[in-house]
Amino acid sequence: QVALKALSSIKAEVGIPLLNELLDCVQIVP
């Protein structure tokens, strides 16, 4: 409900790990 409007206010040291954790859901298909 609030994700898109709020990301710019989060400190980088908190936000970057959260964003990078989303990448743990991703696999590449060569």
ModelCIF file with pLDDT and N, C-alpha, C, O atoms, coordinates in Angstrom:
data_MODEL
#
_entry.id   MODEL 
#
_entity.id                         1 
_entity.type                       polymer 
_entity.pdbx_number_of_molecules   1 
#
_entity_poly.entity_id                      1 
_entity_poly.type                           'polypeptide(L)' 
_entity_poly.nstd_linkage                   no 
_entity_poly.nstd_monomer                   no 
_entity_poly.pdbx_seq_one_letter_code       QVALKALSSIKAEVGIPLLNELLDCVQIVP 
_entity_poly.pdbx_seq_one_letter_code_can   QVALKALSSIKAEVGIPLLNELLDCVQIVP 
_entity_poly.pdbx_strand_id                 A 
#
loop_
_entity_poly_seq.entity_id 
_entity_poly_seq.num 
_entity_poly_seq.mon_id 
_entity_poly_seq.hetero 
1 1  GLN n 
1 2  VAL n 
1 3  ALA n 
1 4  LEU n 
1 5  LYS n 
1 6  ALA n 
1 7  LEU n 
1 8  SER n 
1 9  SER n 
1 10 ILE n 
1 11 LYS n 
1 12 ALA n 
1 13 GLU n 
1 14 VAL n 
1 15 GLY n 
1 16 ILE n 
1 17 PRO n 
1 18 LEU n 
1 19 LEU n 
1 20 ASN n 
1 21 GLU n 
1 22 LEU n 
1 23 LEU n 
1 24 ASP n 
1 25 CYS n 
1 26 VAL n 
1 27 GLN n 
1 28 ILE n 
1 29 VAL n 
1 30 PRO n 
#
_struct_asym.id          A 
_struct_asym.entity_id   1 
#
loop_
_ma_qa_metric.id 
_ma_qa_metric.mode 
_ma_qa_metric.name 
_ma_qa_metric.software_group_id 
_ma_qa_metric.type 
1 global pLDDT . pLDDT 
2 local  pLDDT . pLDDT 
#
_ma_qa_metric_global.metric_id      1 
_ma_qa_metric_global.metric_value   82.00 
_ma_qa_metric_global.model_id       1 
_ma_qa_metric_global.ordinal_id     1 
#
loop_
_ma_qa_metric_local.label_asym_id 
_ma_qa_metric_local.label_comp_id 
_ma_qa_metric_local.label_seq_id 
_ma_qa_metric_local.metric_id 
_ma_qa_metric_local.metric_value 
_ma_qa_metric_local.model_id 
_ma_qa_metric_local.ordinal_id 
A GLN 1  2 59.00 1 1  
A VAL 2  2 62.00 1 2  
A ALA 3  2 61.00 1 3  
A LEU 4  2 54.00 1 4  
A LYS 5  2 57.00 1 5  
A ALA 6  2 66.00 1 6  
A LEU 7  2 63.00 1 7  
A SER 8  2 65.00 1 8  
A SER 9  2 73.00 1 9  
A ILE 10 2 79.00 1 10 
A LYS 11 2 81.00 1 11 
A ALA 12 2 83.00 1 12 
A GLU 13 2 88.00 1 13 
A VAL 14 2 86.00 1 14 
A GLY 15 2 85.00 1 15 
A ILE 16 2 87.00 1 16 
A PRO 17 2 91.00 1 17 
A LEU 18 2 89.00 1 18 
A LEU 19 2 88.00 1 19 
A ASN 20 2 91.00 1 20 
A GLU 21 2 93.00 1 21 
A LEU 22 2 93.00 1 22 
A LEU 23 2 95.00 1 23 
A ASP 24 2 95.00 1 24 
A CYS 25 2 95.00 1 25 
A VAL 26 2 97.00 1 26 
A GLN 27 2 97.00 1 27 
A ILE 28 2 97.00 1 28 
A VAL 29 2 97.00 1 29 
A PRO 30 2 93.00 1 30 
#
loop_
_atom_site.group_PDB 
_atom_site.id 
_atom_site.type_symbol 
_atom_site.label_atom_id 
_atom_site.label_alt_id 
_atom_site.label_comp_id 
_atom_site.label_asym_id 
_atom_site.label_entity_id 
_atom_site.label_seq_id 
_atom_site.pdbx_PDB_ins_code 
_atom_site.Cartn_x 
_atom_site.Cartn_y 
_atom_site.Cartn_z 
_atom_site.occupancy 
_atom_site.B_iso_or_equiv 
_atom_site.pdbx_formal_charge 
_atom_site.auth_seq_id 
_atom_site.auth_comp_id 
_atom_site.auth_asym_id 
_atom_site.auth_atom_id 
_atom_site.pdbx_PDB_model_num 
ATOM 1   N N  . GLN A 1 1  ? 0.801  -1.214  0.000   1.00 59.00 ? 1  GLN A N  1 
ATOM 2   C CA . GLN A 1 1  ? 0.000  0.000   0.000   1.00 59.00 ? 1  GLN A CA 1 
ATOM 3   C C  . GLN A 1 1  ? 0.839  1.272   0.000   1.00 59.00 ? 1  GLN A C  1 
ATOM 4   O O  . GLN A 1 1  ? 0.369  2.320   -0.444  1.00 59.00 ? 1  GLN A O  1 
ATOM 5   N N  . VAL A 1 2  ? 2.061  1.196   0.487   1.00 62.00 ? 2  VAL A N  1 
ATOM 6   C CA . VAL A 1 2  ? 2.858  2.412   0.629   1.00 62.00 ? 2  VAL A CA 1 
ATOM 7   C C  . VAL A 1 2  ? 4.208  2.382   -0.091  1.00 62.00 ? 2  VAL A C  1 
ATOM 8   O O  . VAL A 1 2  ? 4.922  3.385   -0.088  1.00 62.00 ? 2  VAL A O  1 
ATOM 9   N N  . ALA A 1 3  ? 4.564  1.286   -0.691  1.00 61.00 ? 3  ALA A N  1 
ATOM 10  C CA . ALA A 1 3  ? 5.926  1.080   -1.204  1.00 61.00 ? 3  ALA A CA 1 
ATOM 11  C C  . ALA A 1 3  ? 6.390  2.136   -2.186  1.00 61.00 ? 3  ALA A C  1 
ATOM 12  O O  . ALA A 1 3  ? 7.444  2.740   -1.983  1.00 61.00 ? 3  ALA A O  1 
ATOM 13  N N  . LEU A 1 4  ? 5.645  2.371   -3.225  1.00 54.00 ? 4  LEU A N  1 
ATOM 14  C CA . LEU A 1 4  ? 6.130  3.225   -4.293  1.00 54.00 ? 4  LEU A CA 1 
ATOM 15  C C  . LEU A 1 4  ? 6.300  4.676   -3.884  1.00 54.00 ? 4  LEU A C  1 
ATOM 16  O O  . LEU A 1 4  ? 7.220  5.340   -4.362  1.00 54.00 ? 4  LEU A O  1 
ATOM 17  N N  . LYS A 1 5  ? 5.446  5.185   -3.018  1.00 57.00 ? 5  LYS A N  1 
ATOM 18  C CA . LYS A 1 5  ? 5.539  6.592   -2.638  1.00 57.00 ? 5  LYS A CA 1 
ATOM 19  C C  . LYS A 1 5  ? 6.613  6.868   -1.602  1.00 57.00 ? 5  LYS A C  1 
ATOM 20  O O  . LYS A 1 5  ? 6.930  8.030   -1.348  1.00 57.00 ? 5  LYS A O  1 
ATOM 21  N N  . ALA A 1 6  ? 7.183  5.834   -0.998  1.00 66.00 ? 6  ALA A N  1 
ATOM 22  C CA . ALA A 1 6  ? 7.996  6.048   0.176   1.00 66.00 ? 6  ALA A CA 1 
ATOM 23  C C  . ALA A 1 6  ? 9.471  5.693   0.063   1.00 66.00 ? 6  ALA A C  1 
ATOM 24  O O  . ALA A 1 6  ? 10.248 6.093   0.930   1.00 66.00 ? 6  ALA A O  1 
ATOM 25  N N  . LEU A 1 7  ? 9.884  4.977   -0.943  1.00 63.00 ? 7  LEU A N  1 
ATOM 26  C CA . LEU A 1 7  ? 11.250 4.448   -0.979  1.00 63.00 ? 7  LEU A CA 1 
ATOM 27  C C  . LEU A 1 7  ? 12.332 5.520   -0.873  1.00 63.00 ? 7  LEU A C  1 
ATOM 28  O O  . LEU A 1 7  ? 13.407 5.260   -0.334  1.00 63.00 ? 7  LEU A O  1 
ATOM 29  N N  . SER A 1 8  ? 12.062 6.706   -1.377  1.00 65.00 ? 8  SER A N  1 
ATOM 30  C CA . SER A 1 8  ? 13.100 7.739   -1.366  1.00 65.00 ? 8  SER A CA 1 
ATOM 31  C C  . SER A 1 8  ? 13.401 8.279   0.026   1.00 65.00 ? 8  SER A C  1 
ATOM 32  O O  . SER A 1 8  ? 14.420 8.944   0.207   1.00 65.00 ? 8  SER A O  1 
ATOM 33  N N  . SER A 1 9  ? 12.558 8.019   1.005   1.00 73.00 ? 9  SER A N  1 
ATOM 34  C CA . SER A 1 9  ? 12.773 8.535   2.352   1.00 73.00 ? 9  SER A CA 1 
ATOM 35  C C  . SER A 1 9  ? 13.521 7.572   3.263   1.00 73.00 ? 9  SER A C  1 
ATOM 36  O O  . SER A 1 9  ? 13.899 7.949   4.372   1.00 73.00 ? 9  SER A O  1 
ATOM 37  N N  . ILE A 1 10 ? 13.735 6.373   2.833   1.00 79.00 ? 10 ILE A N  1 
ATOM 38  C CA . ILE A 1 10 ? 14.411 5.374   3.656   1.00 79.00 ? 10 ILE A CA 1 
ATOM 39  C C  . ILE A 1 10 ? 15.920 5.560   3.531   1.00 79.00 ? 10 ILE A C  1 
ATOM 40  O O  . ILE A 1 10 ? 16.429 5.806   2.437   1.00 79.00 ? 10 ILE A O  1 
ATOM 41  N N  . LYS A 1 11 ? 16.630 5.444   4.639   1.00 81.00 ? 11 LYS A N  1 
ATOM 42  C CA . LYS A 1 11 ? 18.088 5.545   4.609   1.00 81.00 ? 11 LYS A CA 1 
ATOM 43  C C  . LYS A 1 11 ? 18.652 4.441   3.727   1.00 81.00 ? 11 LYS A C  1 
ATOM 44  O O  . LYS A 1 11 ? 18.150 3.317   3.723   1.00 81.00 ? 11 LYS A O  1 
ATOM 45  N N  . ALA A 1 12 ? 19.695 4.770   2.984   1.00 83.00 ? 12 ALA A N  1 
ATOM 46  C CA . ALA A 1 12 ? 20.304 3.824   2.045   1.00 83.00 ? 12 ALA A CA 1 
ATOM 47  C C  . ALA A 1 12 ? 20.765 2.542   2.738   1.00 83.00 ? 12 ALA A C  1 
ATOM 48  O O  . ALA A 1 12 ? 20.611 1.452   2.187   1.00 83.00 ? 12 ALA A O  1 
ATOM 49  N N  . GLU A 1 13 ? 21.326 2.663   3.934   1.00 88.00 ? 13 GLU A N  1 
ATOM 50  C CA . GLU A 1 13 ? 21.828 1.478   4.622   1.00 88.00 ? 13 GLU A CA 1 
ATOM 51  C C  . GLU A 1 13 ? 20.713 0.522   5.045   1.00 88.00 ? 13 GLU A C  1 
ATOM 52  O O  . GLU A 1 13 ? 20.974 -0.636  5.369   1.00 88.00 ? 13 GLU A O  1 
ATOM 53  N N  . VAL A 1 14 ? 19.492 1.001   5.042   1.00 86.00 ? 14 VAL A N  1 
ATOM 54  C CA . VAL A 1 14 ? 18.330 0.160   5.330   1.00 86.00 ? 14 VAL A CA 1 
ATOM 55  C C  . VAL A 1 14 ? 17.661 -0.284  4.021   1.00 86.00 ? 14 VAL A C  1 
ATOM 56  O O  . VAL A 1 14 ? 17.308 -1.453  3.865   1.00 86.00 ? 14 VAL A O  1 
ATOM 57  N N  . GLY A 1 15 ? 17.494 0.644   3.098   1.00 85.00 ? 15 GLY A N  1 
ATOM 58  C CA . GLY A 1 15 ? 16.772 0.368   1.865   1.00 85.00 ? 15 GLY A CA 1 
ATOM 59  C C  . GLY A 1 15 ? 17.502 -0.516  0.873   1.00 85.00 ? 15 GLY A C  1 
ATOM 60  O O  . GLY A 1 15 ? 16.888 -1.378  0.243   1.00 85.00 ? 15 GLY A O  1 
ATOM 61  N N  . ILE A 1 16 ? 18.801 -0.316  0.725   1.00 87.00 ? 16 ILE A N  1 
ATOM 62  C CA . ILE A 1 16 ? 19.550 -1.097  -0.267  1.00 87.00 ? 16 ILE A CA 1 
ATOM 63  C C  . ILE A 1 16 ? 19.514 -2.595  0.041   1.00 87.00 ? 16 ILE A C  1 
ATOM 64  O O  . ILE A 1 16 ? 19.285 -3.387  -0.873  1.00 87.00 ? 16 ILE A O  1 
ATOM 65  N N  . PRO A 1 17 ? 19.731 -3.016  1.295   1.00 91.00 ? 17 PRO A N  1 
ATOM 66  C CA . PRO A 1 17 ? 19.611 -4.458  1.557   1.00 91.00 ? 17 PRO A CA 1 
ATOM 67  C C  . PRO A 1 17 ? 18.206 -5.003  1.259   1.00 91.00 ? 17 PRO A C  1 
ATOM 68  O O  . PRO A 1 17 ? 18.070 -6.126  0.773   1.00 91.00 ? 17 PRO A O  1 
ATOM 69  N N  . LEU A 1 18 ? 17.170 -4.220  1.546   1.00 89.00 ? 18 LEU A N  1 
ATOM 70  C CA . LEU A 1 18 ? 15.816 -4.669  1.238   1.00 89.00 ? 18 LEU A CA 1 
ATOM 71  C C  . LEU A 1 18 ? 15.625 -4.825  -0.268  1.00 89.00 ? 18 LEU A C  1 
ATOM 72  O O  . LEU A 1 18 ? 15.048 -5.812  -0.724  1.00 89.00 ? 18 LEU A O  1 
ATOM 73  N N  . LEU A 1 19 ? 16.105 -3.857  -1.033  1.00 88.00 ? 19 LEU A N  1 
ATOM 74  C CA . LEU A 1 19 ? 15.989 -3.947  -2.489  1.00 88.00 ? 19 LEU A CA 1 
ATOM 75  C C  . LEU A 1 19 ? 16.811 -5.103  -3.039  1.00 88.00 ? 19 LEU A C  1 
ATOM 76  O O  . LEU A 1 19 ? 16.367 -5.814  -3.941  1.00 88.00 ? 19 LEU A O  1 
ATOM 77  N N  . ASN A 1 20 ? 18.008 -5.288  -2.495  1.00 91.00 ? 20 ASN A N  1 
ATOM 78  C CA . ASN A 1 20 ? 18.848 -6.389  -2.973  1.00 91.00 ? 20 ASN A CA 1 
ATOM 79  C C  . ASN A 1 20 ? 18.260 -7.749  -2.621  1.00 91.00 ? 20 ASN A C  1 
ATOM 80  O O  . ASN A 1 20 ? 18.446 -8.718  -3.358  1.00 91.00 ? 20 ASN A O  1 
ATOM 81  N N  . GLU A 1 21 ? 17.554 -7.826  -1.501  1.00 93.00 ? 21 GLU A N  1 
ATOM 82  C CA . GLU A 1 21 ? 16.927 -9.084  -1.122  1.00 93.00 ? 21 GLU A CA 1 
ATOM 83  C C  . GLU A 1 21 ? 15.868 -9.502  -2.144  1.00 93.00 ? 21 GLU A C  1 
ATOM 84  O O  . GLU A 1 21 ? 15.621 -10.692 -2.337  1.00 93.00 ? 21 GLU A O  1 
ATOM 85  N N  . LEU A 1 22 ? 15.250 -8.522  -2.791  1.00 93.00 ? 22 LEU A N  1 
ATOM 86  C CA . LEU A 1 22 ? 14.299 -8.859  -3.856  1.00 93.00 ? 22 LEU A CA 1 
ATOM 87  C C  . LEU A 1 22 ? 14.995 -9.599  -4.997  1.00 93.00 ? 22 LEU A C  1 
ATOM 88  O O  . LEU A 1 22 ? 14.390 -10.446 -5.655  1.00 93.00 ? 22 LEU A O  1 
ATOM 89  N N  . LEU A 1 23 ? 16.264 -9.277  -5.227  1.00 95.00 ? 23 LEU A N  1 
ATOM 90  C CA . LEU A 1 23 ? 17.012 -9.941  -6.299  1.00 95.00 ? 23 LEU A CA 1 
ATOM 91  C C  . LEU A 1 23 ? 17.304 -11.399 -5.980  1.00 95.00 ? 23 LEU A C  1 
ATOM 92  O O  . LEU A 1 23 ? 17.627 -12.174 -6.881  1.00 95.00 ? 23 LEU A O  1 
ATOM 93  N N  . ASP A 1 24 ? 17.195 -11.787 -4.708  1.00 95.00 ? 24 ASP A N  1 
ATOM 94  C CA . ASP A 1 24 ? 17.379 -13.199 -4.340  1.00 95.00 ? 24 ASP A CA 1 
ATOM 95  C C  . ASP A 1 24 ? 16.285 -14.069 -4.938  1.00 95.00 ? 24 ASP A C  1 
ATOM 96  O O  . ASP A 1 24 ? 16.427 -15.291 -4.998  1.00 95.00 ? 24 ASP A O  1 
ATOM 97  N N  . CYS A 1 25 ? 15.203 -13.457 -5.378  1.00 95.00 ? 25 CYS A N  1 
ATOM 98  C CA . CYS A 1 25 ? 14.082 -14.184 -5.990  1.00 95.00 ? 25 CYS A CA 1 
ATOM 99  C C  . CYS A 1 25 ? 14.313 -14.458 -7.474  1.00 95.00 ? 25 CYS A C  1 
ATOM 100 O O  . CYS A 1 25 ? 13.513 -15.144 -8.111  1.00 95.00 ? 25 CYS A O  1 
ATOM 101 N N  . VAL A 1 26 ? 15.405 -13.926 -8.029  1.00 97.00 ? 26 VAL A N  1 
ATOM 102 C CA . VAL A 1 26 ? 15.625 -13.935 -9.472  1.00 97.00 ? 26 VAL A CA 1 
ATOM 103 C C  . VAL A 1 26 ? 16.692 -14.955 -9.861  1.00 97.00 ? 26 VAL A C  1 
ATOM 104 O O  . VAL A 1 26 ? 17.750 -15.048 -9.239  1.00 97.00 ? 26 VAL A O  1 
ATOM 105 N N  . GLN A 1 27 ? 16.380 -15.717 -10.910 1.00 97.00 ? 27 GLN A N  1 
ATOM 106 C CA . GLN A 1 27 ? 17.365 -16.596 -11.547 1.00 97.00 ? 27 GLN A CA 1 
ATOM 107 C C  . GLN A 1 27 ? 17.487 -16.175 -13.005 1.00 97.00 ? 27 GLN A C  1 
ATOM 108 O O  . GLN A 1 27 ? 16.538 -15.658 -13.594 1.00 97.00 ? 27 GLN A O  1 
ATOM 109 N N  . ILE A 1 28 ? 18.645 -16.397 -13.571 1.00 97.00 ? 28 ILE A N  1 
ATOM 110 C CA . ILE A 1 28 ? 18.848 -16.126 -15.000 1.00 97.00 ? 28 ILE A CA 1 
ATOM 111 C C  . ILE A 1 28 ? 18.715 -17.441 -15.761 1.00 97.00 ? 28 ILE A C  1 
ATOM 112 O O  . ILE A 1 28 ? 19.051 -18.510 -15.252 1.00 97.00 ? 28 ILE A O  1 
ATOM 113 N N  . VAL A 1 29 ? 18.222 -17.336 -16.980 1.00 97.00 ? 29 VAL A N  1 
ATOM 114 C CA . VAL A 1 29 ? 18.101 -18.510 -17.850 1.00 97.00 ? 29 VAL A CA 1 
ATOM 115 C C  . VAL A 1 29 ? 19.062 -18.283 -19.018 1.00 97.00 ? 29 VAL A C  1 
ATOM 116 O O  . VAL A 1 29 ? 18.733 -17.560 -19.958 1.00 97.00 ? 29 VAL A O  1 
ATOM 117 N N  . PRO A 1 30 ? 20.240 -18.892 -18.961 1.00 93.00 ? 30 PRO A N  1 
ATOM 118 C CA . PRO A 1 30 ? 21.193 -18.725 -20.069 1.00 93.00 ? 30 PRO A CA 1 
ATOM 119 C C  . PRO A 1 30 ? 20.604 -19.282 -21.368 1.00 93.00 ? 30 PRO A C  1 
ATOM 120 O O  . PRO A 1 30 ? 21.255 -19.233 -22.411 1.00 93.00 ? 30 PRO A O  1 
#
